[in-house]
C-alpha atoms as a PDB file:
ATOM      1  CA  UNK A   1      23.612  17.501   5.025  1.00  0.00           C
ATOM      2  CA  UNK A   2      21.118  15.274   6.915  1.00  0.00           C
ATOM      3  CA  UNK A   3      22.168  16.264  10.299  1.00  0.00           C
ATOM      4  CA  UNK A   4      22.140  19.992   9.311  1.00  0.00           C
ATOM      5  CA  UNK A   5      18.706  20.143   8.090  1.00  0.00           C
ATOM      6  CA  UNK A   6      17.439  17.764  10.710  1.00  0.00           C
ATOM      7  CA  UNK A   7      18.865  20.187  13.258  1.00  0.00           C
ATOM      8  CA  UNK A   8      16.993  23.223  11.748  1.00  0.00           C
ATOM      9  CA  UNK A   9      13.648  21.423  11.830  1.00  0.00           C
ATOM     10  CA  UNK A  10      14.193  20.411  15.409  1.00  0.00           C
ATOM     11  CA  UNK A  11      15.487  24.137  16.081  1.00  0.00           C
ATOM     12  CA  UNK A  12      12.251  25.738  14.353  1.00  0.00           C
ATOM     13  CA  UNK A  13      10.126  24.490  17.345  1.00  0.00           C
ATOM     14  CA  UNK A  14       9.331  26.697  20.302  1.00  0.00           C
ATOM     15  CA  UNK A  15       9.526  25.366  24.095  1.00  0.00           C
ATOM     16  CA  UNK A  16       5.954  25.614  24.029  1.00  0.00           C
ATOM     17  CA  UNK A  17       5.284  23.580  20.574  1.00  0.00           C
ATOM     18  CA  UNK A  18       8.508  21.114  21.327  1.00  0.00           C
ATOM     19  CA  UNK A  19       6.303  18.111  20.691  1.00  0.00           C
ATOM     20  CA  UNK A  20       5.340  19.443  17.203  1.00  0.00           C
ATOM     21  CA  UNK A  21       8.796  18.449  16.006  1.00  0.00           C
ATOM     22  CA  UNK A  22       7.712  14.632  15.962  1.00  0.00           C
ATOM     23  CA  UNK A  23       4.748  14.609  13.840  1.00  0.00           C
ATOM     24  CA  UNK A  24       6.331  17.294  11.622  1.00  0.00           C
ATOM     25  CA  UNK A  25       9.204  15.185  10.985  1.00  0.00           C
ATOM     26  CA  UNK A  26       6.886  11.879  10.465  1.00  0.00           C
ATOM     27  CA  UNK A  27       5.024  13.870   8.270  1.00  0.00           C
ATOM     28  CA  UNK A  28       7.820  15.029   5.943  1.00  0.00           C
ATOM     29  CA  UNK A  29       9.939  11.865   6.109  1.00  0.00           C
ATOM     30  CA  UNK A  30       7.035   9.623   5.430  1.00  0.00           C
ATOM     31  CA  UNK A  31       4.405  11.533   3.524  1.00  0.00           C
ATOM     32  CA  UNK A  32       3.703   8.967   1.139  1.00  0.00           C
ATOM     33  CA  UNK A  33       2.976   6.396   3.799  1.00  0.00           C
ATOM     34  CA  UNK A  34       0.518   8.774   5.691  1.00  0.00           C
ATOM     35  CA  UNK A  35      -1.597   9.215   2.378  1.00  0.00           C
ATOM     36  CA  UNK A  36      -1.584   5.537   2.246  1.00  0.00           C
ATOM     37  CA  UNK A  37      -2.829   4.931   5.708  1.00  0.00           C
ATOM     38  CA  UNK A  38      -5.246   7.713   5.272  1.00  0.00           C
ATOM     39  CA  UNK A  39      -6.647   5.778   2.038  1.00  0.00           C
ATOM     40  CA  UNK A  40      -6.581   2.399   3.991  1.00  0.00           C
ATOM     41  CA  UNK A  41      -8.338   3.907   7.209  1.00  0.00           C
ATOM     42  CA  UNK A  42     -11.245   5.442   5.394  1.00  0.00           C
ATOM     43  CA  UNK A  43     -11.632   2.177   3.146  1.00  0.00           C
ATOM     44  CA  UNK A  44     -10.397   3.306   0.028  1.00  0.00           C
ATOM     45  CA  UNK A  45      -8.491   0.969  -2.751  1.00  0.00           C
ATOM     46  CA  UNK A  46      -4.884   1.792  -2.136  1.00  0.00           C
ATOM     47  CA  UNK A  47      -1.482   0.688  -3.085  1.00  0.00           C
ATOM     48  CA  UNK A  48       1.134   0.256  -0.145  1.00  0.00           C
ATOM     49  CA  UNK A  49       4.391   2.009  -0.653  1.00  0.00           C
ATOM     50  CA  UNK A  50       7.385  -0.094  -1.579  1.00  0.00           C
ATOM     51  CA  UNK A  51       9.779   0.812   0.960  1.00  0.00           C
ATOM     52  CA  UNK A  52       9.024  -1.032   4.613  1.00  0.00           C
ATOM     53  CA  UNK A  53       8.174   0.971   7.662  1.00  0.00           C
ATOM     54  CA  UNK A  54       9.146  -0.068  11.073  1.00  0.00           C
ATOM     55  CA  UNK A  55       6.159  -0.749  13.404  1.00  0.00           C
ATOM     56  CA  UNK A  56       6.854   2.014  15.711  1.00  0.00           C
ATOM     57  CA  UNK A  57       6.519   4.577  12.920  1.00  0.00           C
ATOM     58  CA  UNK A  58       3.632   2.965  11.497  1.00  0.00           C
ATOM     59  CA  UNK A  59       1.663   3.134  14.675  1.00  0.00           C
ATOM     60  CA  UNK A  60       2.703   6.757  15.019  1.00  0.00           C
ATOM     61  CA  UNK A  61       1.592   7.586  11.664  1.00  0.00           C
ATOM     62  CA  UNK A  62      -1.636   6.002  12.361  1.00  0.00           C
ATOM     63  CA  UNK A  63      -2.186   8.205  15.602  1.00  0.00           C
ATOM     64  CA  UNK A  64      -1.391  10.764  14.025  1.00  0.00           C
ATOM     65  CA  UNK A  65      -3.962  10.602  11.322  1.00  0.00           C
ATOM     66  CA  UNK A  66      -6.367   9.858  14.199  1.00  0.00           C
ATOM     67  CA  UNK A  67      -5.632  13.323  15.669  1.00  0.00           C
ATOM     68  CA  UNK A  68      -6.214  15.132  12.744  1.00  0.00           C
ATOM     69  CA  UNK A  69      -9.601  13.382  12.333  1.00  0.00           C
ATOM     70  CA  UNK A  70     -10.672  13.966  15.732  1.00  0.00           C
ATOM     71  CA  UNK A  71      -9.951  17.725  15.543  1.00  0.00           C
ATOM     72  CA  UNK A  72     -11.413  18.369  11.949  1.00  0.00           C
ATOM     73  CA  UNK A  73     -15.067  18.811  12.556  1.00  0.00           C
ATOM     74  CA  UNK A  74     -14.505  22.393  13.933  1.00  0.00           C
ATOM     75  CA  UNK A  75     -13.184  25.498  12.808  1.00  0.00           C
ATOM     76  CA  UNK A  76     -11.865  26.190  16.331  1.00  0.00           C
ATOM     77  CA  UNK A  77      -9.818  22.815  16.750  1.00  0.00           C
ATOM     78  CA  UNK A  78      -9.051  21.905  12.901  1.00  0.00           C
ATOM     79  CA  UNK A  79      -5.323  21.738  12.706  1.00  0.00           C
ATOM     80  CA  UNK A  80      -4.762  20.894   9.055  1.00  0.00           C
ATOM     81  CA  UNK A  81      -6.918  22.787   6.227  1.00  0.00           C
ATOM     82  CA  UNK A  82      -6.423  24.078   3.140  1.00  0.00           C
ATOM     83  CA  UNK A  83      -7.623  27.007   0.758  1.00  0.00           C
ATOM     84  CA  UNK A  84      -8.316  26.867  -2.793  1.00  0.00           C
ATOM     85  CA  UNK A  85      -6.420  29.873  -4.524  1.00  0.00           C
ATOM     86  CA  UNK A  86      -6.958  30.845  -8.113  1.00  0.00           C
ATOM     87  CA  UNK A  87      -4.048  30.630 -10.661  1.00  0.00           C
ATOM     88  CA  UNK A  88      -2.922  34.165 -10.483  1.00  0.00           C
ATOM     89  CA  UNK A  89      -2.792  34.049  -6.698  1.00  0.00           C
ATOM     90  CA  UNK A  90      -0.843  30.727  -6.611  1.00  0.00           C
ATOM     91  CA  UNK A  91       1.838  32.571  -9.042  1.00  0.00           C
ATOM     92  CA  UNK A  92       2.505  35.024  -6.556  1.00  0.00           C
ATOM     93  CA  UNK A  93       3.122  32.351  -3.527  1.00  0.00           C
ATOM     94  CA  UNK A  94       6.029  30.763  -5.720  1.00  0.00           C
ATOM     95  CA  UNK A  95       7.391  34.031  -7.044  1.00  0.00           C
ATOM     96  CA  UNK A  96       7.975  36.342  -4.288  1.00  0.00           C
ATOM     97  CA  UNK A  97      10.384  39.378  -4.561  1.00  0.00           C
ATOM     98  CA  UNK A  98      10.336  40.277  -0.761  1.00  0.00           C
ATOM     99  CA  UNK A  99       9.818  38.123   2.108  1.00  0.00           C
ATOM    100  CA  UNK A 100       6.227  38.009   3.669  1.00  0.00           C
ATOM    101  CA  UNK A 101       4.895  37.346   7.209  1.00  0.00           C
ATOM    102  CA  UNK A 102       1.236  37.800   8.128  1.00  0.00           C
ATOM    103  CA  UNK A 103      -1.340  36.104   9.957  1.00  0.00           C
ATOM    104  CA  UNK A 104      -4.259  35.230   7.747  1.00  0.00           C
ATOM    105  CA  UNK A 105      -7.463  37.502   9.023  1.00  0.00           C
ATOM    106  CA  UNK A 106     -10.429  35.040   9.399  1.00  0.00           C
ATOM    107  CA  UNK A 107     -12.196  36.376   6.436  1.00  0.00           C
ATOM    108  CA  UNK A 108      -9.502  34.821   4.523  1.00  0.00           C
ATOM    109  CA  UNK A 109      -8.920  31.630   6.449  1.00  0.00           C
ATOM    110  CA  UNK A 110     -11.508  31.166   9.204  1.00  0.00           C
ATOM    111  CA  UNK A 111      -9.738  28.294  11.148  1.00  0.00           C
ATOM    112  CA  UNK A 112      -8.513  29.405  14.691  1.00  0.00           C
ATOM    113  CA  UNK A 113      -5.515  27.164  14.343  1.00  0.00           C
ATOM    114  CA  UNK A 114      -2.640  27.565  11.808  1.00  0.00           C
ATOM    115  CA  UNK A 115      -3.126  30.900   9.719  1.00  0.00           C
ATOM    116  CA  UNK A 116       0.331  32.006   9.169  1.00  0.00           C
ATOM    117  CA  UNK A 117       2.012  32.821   5.852  1.00  0.00           C
ATOM    118  CA  UNK A 118       5.740  33.105   6.575  1.00  0.00           C
ATOM    119  CA  UNK A 119       8.027  32.891   3.370  1.00  0.00           C
ATOM    120  CA  UNK A 120      11.646  33.950   2.299  1.00  0.00           C
ATOM    121  CA  UNK A 121      12.369  35.812  -0.908  1.00  0.00           C
ATOM    122  CA  UNK A 122      12.520  33.703  -3.149  1.00  0.00           C
ATOM    123  CA  UNK A 123      10.993  31.278  -1.062  1.00  0.00           C
ATOM    124  CA  UNK A 124      12.423  27.622  -0.093  1.00  0.00           C
ATOM    125  CA  UNK A 125      10.395  25.257  -2.195  1.00  0.00           C
ATOM    126  CA  UNK A 126      10.678  21.469  -2.559  1.00  0.00           C
ATOM    127  CA  UNK A 127       8.707  19.573  -5.346  1.00  0.00           C
ATOM    128  CA  UNK A 128       7.409  15.771  -5.008  1.00  0.00           C
ATOM    129  CA  UNK A 129       5.370  13.221  -6.106  1.00  0.00           C
ATOM    130  CA  UNK A 130       1.817  13.557  -5.255  1.00  0.00           C
ATOM    131  CA  UNK A 131       1.253  11.002  -2.245  1.00  0.00           C
ATOM    132  CA  UNK A 132      -2.422  11.023  -3.225  1.00  0.00           C
ATOM    133  CA  UNK A 133      -1.594   9.705  -6.460  1.00  0.00           C
ATOM    134  CA  UNK A 134       0.954   7.498  -5.752  1.00  0.00           C
ATOM    135  CA  UNK A 135      -1.136   5.578  -3.071  1.00  0.00           C
ATOM    136  CA  UNK A 136      -3.753   5.133  -5.778  1.00  0.00           C
ATOM    137  CA  UNK A 137      -4.475   1.884  -7.948  1.00  0.00           C
ATOM    138  CA  UNK A 138      -5.334   3.765 -11.168  1.00  0.00           C
ATOM    139  CA  UNK A 139      -3.773   7.364 -10.694  1.00  0.00           C
ATOM    140  CA  UNK A 140      -5.229   9.970 -13.053  1.00  0.00           C
ATOM    141  CA  UNK A 141      -1.596  10.678 -14.338  1.00  0.00           C
ATOM    142  CA  UNK A 142       1.553   8.166 -14.716  1.00  0.00           C
ATOM    143  CA  UNK A 143       4.431   8.430 -12.391  1.00  0.00           C
ATOM    144  CA  UNK A 144       6.637  10.390 -14.360  1.00  0.00           C
ATOM    145  CA  UNK A 145       3.696  12.854 -14.383  1.00  0.00           C
ATOM    146  CA  UNK A 146       3.305  13.063 -10.627  1.00  0.00           C
ATOM    147  CA  UNK A 147       5.607  15.838  -9.442  1.00  0.00           C
ATOM    148  CA  UNK A 148       2.878  17.927  -8.531  1.00  0.00           C
ATOM    149  CA  UNK A 149       3.330  18.923  -4.914  1.00  0.00           C
ATOM    150  CA  UNK A 150       5.316  21.895  -3.267  1.00  0.00           C
ATOM    151  CA  UNK A 151       6.313  22.122  -0.247  1.00  0.00           C
ATOM    152  CA  UNK A 152       6.974  25.795   1.027  1.00  0.00           C
ATOM    153  CA  UNK A 153       9.472  27.502   3.173  1.00  0.00           C
ATOM    154  CA  UNK A 154      12.262  26.923   5.345  1.00  0.00           C
ATOM    155  CA  UNK A 155      13.294  24.520   6.947  1.00  0.00           C
ATOM    156  CA  UNK A 156      10.669  22.209   5.564  1.00  0.00           C
ATOM    157  CA  UNK A 157      11.626  22.342   1.858  1.00  0.00           C
ATOM    158  CA  UNK A 158      15.334  21.561   2.919  1.00  0.00           C
ATOM    159  CA  UNK A 159      14.342  18.628   5.121  1.00  0.00           C
ATOM    160  CA  UNK A 160      12.062  17.064   2.853  1.00  0.00           C
ATOM    161  CA  UNK A 161      14.474  17.039  -0.123  1.00  0.00           C
ATOM    162  CA  UNK A 162      16.988  15.855   2.004  1.00  0.00           C
ATOM    163  CA  UNK A 163      15.270  13.054   3.805  1.00  0.00           C
ATOM    164  CA  UNK A 164      12.204  12.018   1.485  1.00  0.00           C
ATOM    165  CA  UNK A 165      13.819  10.356  -1.899  1.00  0.00           C
ATOM    166  CA  UNK A 166      10.246  11.325  -3.399  1.00  0.00           C
ATOM    167  CA  UNK A 167      11.165  15.040  -3.173  1.00  0.00           C
ATOM    168  CA  UNK A 168      13.981  17.594  -4.086  1.00  0.00           C
ATOM    169  CA  UNK A 169      14.566  20.949  -4.456  1.00  0.00           C
ATOM    170  CA  UNK A 170      13.184  23.337  -6.833  1.00  0.00           C
ATOM    171  CA  UNK A 171      13.163  27.155  -7.907  1.00  0.00           C
ATOM    172  CA  UNK A 172      10.702  30.017  -9.112  1.00  0.00           C
ATOM    173  CA  UNK A 173      11.068  29.100 -12.671  1.00  0.00           C
ATOM    174  CA  UNK A 174      10.110  25.312 -12.198  1.00  0.00           C
ATOM    175  CA  UNK A 175       7.426  26.016  -9.727  1.00  0.00           C
ATOM    176  CA  UNK A 176       5.454  28.307 -12.215  1.00  0.00           C
ATOM    177  CA  UNK A 177       5.809  25.770 -14.880  1.00  0.00           C
ATOM    178  CA  UNK A 178       4.372  23.189 -12.742  1.00  0.00           C
ATOM    179  CA  UNK A 179       1.128  25.342 -11.825  1.00  0.00           C
ATOM    180  CA  UNK A 180       0.863  26.147 -15.272  1.00  0.00           C
ATOM    181  CA  UNK A 181       0.664  22.524 -16.503  1.00  0.00           C
ATOM    182  CA  UNK A 182      -1.486  21.883 -13.716  1.00  0.00           C
ATOM    183  CA  UNK A 183      -3.859  24.560 -14.714  1.00  0.00           C
ATOM    184  CA  UNK A 184      -4.343  23.191 -18.323  1.00  0.00           C
ATOM    185  CA  UNK A 185      -5.004  19.654 -16.599  1.00  0.00           C
ATOM    186  CA  UNK A 186      -7.632  21.028 -14.621  1.00  0.00           C
ATOM    187  CA  UNK A 187      -6.081  20.643 -11.339  1.00  0.00           C
ATOM    188  CA  UNK A 188      -7.092  22.928  -8.396  1.00  0.00           C
ATOM    189  CA  UNK A 189      -4.385  24.784  -6.591  1.00  0.00           C
ATOM    190  CA  UNK A 190      -4.805  24.335  -2.756  1.00  0.00           C
ATOM    191  CA  UNK A 191      -2.510  26.177  -0.091  1.00  0.00           C
ATOM    192  CA  UNK A 192      -2.424  23.648   3.040  1.00  0.00           C
ATOM    193  CA  UNK A 193      -1.635  24.893   6.614  1.00  0.00           C
ATOM    194  CA  UNK A 194      -0.459  22.696   9.452  1.00  0.00           C
ATOM    195  CA  UNK A 195      -0.238  23.422  13.291  1.00  0.00           C
ATOM    196  CA  UNK A 196       2.921  21.215  13.568  1.00  0.00           C
ATOM    197  CA  UNK A 197       4.340  23.551  11.004  1.00  0.00           C
ATOM    198  CA  UNK A 198       4.153  26.705  13.282  1.00  0.00           C
ATOM    199  CA  UNK A 199       0.852  27.275  11.977  1.00  0.00           C
ATOM    200  CA  UNK A 200       2.098  27.881   8.691  1.00  0.00           C
ATOM    201  CA  UNK A 201       1.388  27.569   5.185  1.00  0.00           C
ATOM    202  CA  UNK A 202       3.402  24.405   4.139  1.00  0.00           C
ATOM    203  CA  UNK A 203       2.395  23.237   0.986  1.00  0.00           C
ATOM    204  CA  UNK A 204       0.806  24.105  -2.579  1.00  0.00           C
ATOM    205  CA  UNK A 205      -0.688  21.420  -3.876  1.00  0.00           C
ATOM    206  CA  UNK A 206      -2.180  20.867  -7.366  1.00  0.00           C
ATOM    207  CA  UNK A 207      -5.152  18.655  -6.693  1.00  0.00           C
ATOM    208  CA  UNK A 208      -7.729  16.435  -8.752  1.00  0.00           C
ATOM    209  CA  UNK A 209     -10.946  15.258  -7.705  1.00  0.00           C
ATOM    210  CA  UNK A 210     -10.352  11.542  -8.563  1.00  0.00           C
ATOM    211  CA  UNK A 211      -7.093  10.924  -6.701  1.00  0.00           C
ATOM    212  CA  UNK A 212      -6.452  13.776  -3.930  1.00  0.00           C
ATOM    213  CA  UNK A 213      -7.782  12.697  -0.542  1.00  0.00           C
ATOM    214  CA  UNK A 214      -8.664  16.397   0.397  1.00  0.00           C
ATOM    215  CA  UNK A 215     -10.906  16.818  -2.908  1.00  0.00           C
ATOM    216  CA  UNK A 216     -12.601  13.198  -2.629  1.00  0.00           C
ATOM    217  CA  UNK A 217     -13.372  13.837   0.856  1.00  0.00           C
ATOM    218  CA  UNK A 218     -14.846  17.289   0.690  1.00  0.00           C
ATOM    219  CA  UNK A 219     -17.145  16.083  -2.237  1.00  0.00           C
ATOM    220  CA  UNK A 220     -18.040  12.818  -0.475  1.00  0.00           C
ATOM    221  CA  UNK A 221     -18.836  15.071   2.479  1.00  0.00           C
ATOM    222  CA  UNK A 222     -20.529  17.770   0.781  1.00  0.00           C
ATOM    223  CA  UNK A 223     -18.424  20.053   2.497  1.00  0.00           C
ATOM    224  CA  UNK A 224     -19.606  18.914   5.822  1.00  0.00           C
ATOM    225  CA  UNK A 225     -15.942  19.230   7.851  1.00  0.00           C
ATOM    226  CA  UNK A 226     -14.531  22.289   7.196  1.00  0.00           C
ATOM    227  CA  UNK A 227     -10.960  21.293   6.154  1.00  0.00           C
ATOM    228  CA  UNK A 228     -11.296  23.298   2.945  1.00  0.00           C
ATOM    229  CA  UNK A 229     -12.329  26.708   2.146  1.00  0.00           C
ATOM    230  CA  UNK A 230     -12.847  28.537  -1.054  1.00  0.00           C
ATOM    231  CA  UNK A 231     -10.984  31.104  -3.018  1.00  0.00           C
ATOM    232  CA  UNK A 232     -13.164  34.049  -2.655  1.00  0.00           C
ATOM    233  CA  UNK A 233     -14.552  33.776  -5.892  1.00  0.00           C
ATOM    234  CA  UNK A 234     -17.203  32.293  -7.849  1.00  0.00           C
ATOM    235  CA  UNK A 235     -17.580  31.106 -11.628  1.00  0.00           C
ATOM    236  CA  UNK A 236     -20.100  33.111 -13.543  1.00  0.00           C
ATOM    237  CA  UNK A 237     -21.029  32.157 -17.161  1.00  0.00           C
ATOM    238  CA  UNK A 238     -21.623  34.629 -19.782  1.00  0.00           C
ATOM    239  CA  UNK A 239     -24.099  35.052 -22.313  1.00  0.00           C
ATOM    240  CA  UNK A 240     -21.971  33.829 -25.286  1.00  0.00           C
ATOM    241  CA  UNK A 241     -21.662  30.189 -23.985  1.00  0.00           C
ATOM    242  CA  UNK A 242     -21.145  27.716 -27.123  1.00  0.00           C
ATOM    243  CA  UNK A 243     -23.006  24.918 -24.568  1.00  0.00           C
ATOM    244  CA  UNK A 244     -19.884  22.515 -25.004  1.00  0.00           C
ATOM    245  CA  UNK A 245     -20.324  21.312 -21.593  1.00  0.00           C
ATOM    246  CA  UNK A 246     -16.611  21.161 -20.990  1.00  0.00           C
ATOM    247  CA  UNK A 247     -16.932  23.285 -17.723  1.00  0.00           C
ATOM    248  CA  UNK A 248     -19.605  20.986 -16.239  1.00  0.00           C
ATOM    249  CA  UNK A 249     -17.713  17.933 -17.081  1.00  0.00           C
ATOM    250  CA  UNK A 250     -14.429  19.281 -15.686  1.00  0.00           C
ATOM    251  CA  UNK A 251     -15.601  20.807 -12.401  1.00  0.00           C
ATOM    252  CA  UNK A 252     -13.703  19.413  -9.362  1.00  0.00           C
ATOM    253  CA  UNK A 253     -16.415  20.459  -6.982  1.00  0.00           C
ATOM    254  CA  UNK A 254     -19.499  19.137  -9.231  1.00  0.00           C
ATOM    255  CA  UNK A 255     -20.817  22.834  -9.075  1.00  0.00           C
ATOM    256  CA  UNK A 256     -21.781  23.301 -12.614  1.00  0.00           C
ATOM    257  CA  UNK A 257     -24.717  21.850 -14.618  1.00  0.00           C
ATOM    258  CA  UNK A 258     -25.332  21.930 -18.287  1.00  0.00           C
ATOM    259  CA  UNK A 259     -28.681  23.526 -19.045  1.00  0.00           C
ATOM    260  CA  UNK A 260     -30.547  24.437 -22.322  1.00  0.00           C
ATOM    261  CA  UNK A 261     -28.857  27.505 -23.658  1.00  0.00           C
ATOM    262  CA  UNK A 262     -25.757  27.044 -21.611  1.00  0.00           C
ATOM    263  CA  UNK A 263     -24.811  26.221 -17.819  1.00  0.00           C
ATOM    264  CA  UNK A 264     -25.878  26.675 -14.129  1.00  0.00           C
ATOM    265  CA  UNK A 265     -23.429  27.351 -11.448  1.00  0.00           C
ATOM    266  CA  UNK A 266     -24.512  26.064  -7.933  1.00  0.00           C
ATOM    267  CA  UNK A 267     -22.565  28.899  -5.799  1.00  0.00           C
ATOM    268  CA  UNK A 268     -23.013  27.078  -2.403  1.00  0.00           C
ATOM    269  CA  UNK A 269     -20.776  24.061  -4.181  1.00  0.00           C
ATOM    270  CA  UNK A 270     -18.476  26.614  -6.354  1.00  0.00           C
ATOM    271  CA  UNK A 271     -15.061  27.070  -4.554  1.00  0.00           C
ATOM    272  CA  UNK A 272     -13.754  29.568  -6.866  1.00  0.00           C
ATOM    273  CA  UNK A 273     -10.956  27.371  -7.975  1.00  0.00           C
ATOM    274  CA  UNK A 274     -10.948  28.709 -11.867  1.00  0.00           C
ATOM    275  CA  UNK A 275     -10.740  25.265 -13.676  1.00  0.00           C
ATOM    276  CA  UNK A 276     -13.664  26.343 -15.631  1.00  0.00           C
ATOM    277  CA  UNK A 277     -12.370  29.661 -16.509  1.00  0.00           C
ATOM    278  CA  UNK A 278      -8.891  28.038 -17.496  1.00  0.00           C
ATOM    279  CA  UNK A 279     -10.722  25.048 -19.712  1.00  0.00           C
ATOM    280  CA  UNK A 280     -13.345  27.063 -21.490  1.00  0.00           C
ATOM    281  CA  UNK A 281     -12.345  27.176 -25.283  1.00  0.00           C
ATOM    282  CA  UNK A 282     -14.801  30.307 -25.826  1.00  0.00           C
ATOM    283  CA  UNK A 283     -13.792  32.296 -22.764  1.00  0.00           C
ATOM    284  CA  UNK A 284     -17.601  32.202 -21.681  1.00  0.00           C
ATOM    285  CA  UNK A 285     -17.135  31.548 -17.903  1.00  0.00           C
ATOM    286  CA  UNK A 286     -14.963  33.743 -15.385  1.00  0.00           C
ATOM    287  CA  UNK A 287     -14.224  34.104 -11.631  1.00  0.00           C
ATOM    288  CA  UNK A 288     -15.789  37.198 -10.222  1.00  0.00           C
ATOM    289  CA  UNK A 289     -15.482  38.193  -6.392  1.00  0.00           C
ATOM    290  CA  UNK A 290     -18.521  36.640  -4.153  1.00  0.00           C
ATOM    291  CA  UNK A 291     -18.518  38.528  -0.879  1.00  0.00           C
ATOM    292  CA  UNK A 292     -20.643  36.044   0.756  1.00  0.00           C
ATOM    293  CA  UNK A 293     -17.671  33.589   0.463  1.00  0.00           C
ATOM    294  CA  UNK A 294     -13.996  33.975   2.171  1.00  0.00           C
ATOM    295  CA  UNK A 295     -11.459  36.811   0.877  1.00  0.00           C
ATOM    296  CA  UNK A 296      -8.835  35.534  -1.277  1.00  0.00           C
ATOM    297  CA  UNK A 297      -5.581  34.561  -0.449  1.00  0.00           C
ATOM    298  CA  UNK A 298      -3.931  37.344  -2.577  1.00  0.00           C
ATOM    299  CA  UNK A 299      -0.471  38.398  -1.454  1.00  0.00           C
ATOM    300  CA  UNK A 300      -0.603  41.959  -2.641  1.00  0.00           C
ATOM    301  CA  UNK A 301      -3.132  42.494  -0.259  1.00  0.00           C
ATOM    302  CA  UNK A 302      -0.715  42.111   2.836  1.00  0.00           C
ATOM    303  CA  UNK A 303       2.274  44.106   1.609  1.00  0.00           C
END
C-alpha cells in the first residue's frame, strides 16, 4: 500500500512541476512538524511533536516554510492560500455527486497561482488531527476532539492516510458530521490551495481564532498579507437583536462590536464566515452577499 500511494503522488507531477513532489511529500508526511516549525519561527509558544525527525527533513521543512513566507506578500506570487467558505458551500465540497474540474475565476480567488478545484465524485478524503491545535500548549479542544482537518482529492488523501499516523480515510457522512460539529463550536470553514498540489484545493480546514495559524496571523497582521480571502458574504444584523453579545464575543475576525440597541459589523474586517449566523440564538444576524468582496466558492455556479 505504501509504495502504491507513494507512486501515485510521484506520478501526479508533470515534467514542468517535477520538483513539487518533494515539498508535497514533506508536507503530507510531516504536517504536524511543519506547523510546529511555523509556530517556532514566528515566536509562538508551541509543543514539539513526540516523533523524532531527522536533521535533513527538518532543514527541508524549515526552508519550505521560508519559501512560503517569501512568496506570501503578493497575490502574484503567493503559493499557499485559503478561502473562507460558508457552511452550505463547505457541505457541497464534501458531498459531490458528479466530478468537478474548474479553474476558479479571480473574482472567487484573486491569487494568480493555485486556483484549481479538481475532485472526484465522491471525493477522496482523509481526516486527521488539526496540526495547529496539536502544536499549541493549551489547545481549545482536547486531542480526542481534534480530528477537524480534511485533506481533499486523490492522490493526496490516500497518501496522507497511508503515511501520516494522525490521518485516516473518511467518507461523505463523516465529513458532513465534522463540518456540522465544527459549525456548532464556531469554527471557520477554510478551503486551502497549494502550488505543490497541482495548484489545487487540497484541504478543507475547520479553524479557530486561538490556535489555527492562518487565523492567528490574519488577525495579528490585520489582513495585510493576502493569504486568506473572504467568502463573498458579510454579516448583517437584524432589528430584532436581543443584545446578548454572543456574535461579538465569538466573531473569529473581531468584526462585530456590541453597541446600545444591538451590534455593529465592521464590513472591512468581516470575512463572511457565518459563525455569528450559526451561533445567534435569536436568528438576529445573517449572511448577505457583498458585491464589494470576492464571489463565493459555490460549486453550483461551476456545474
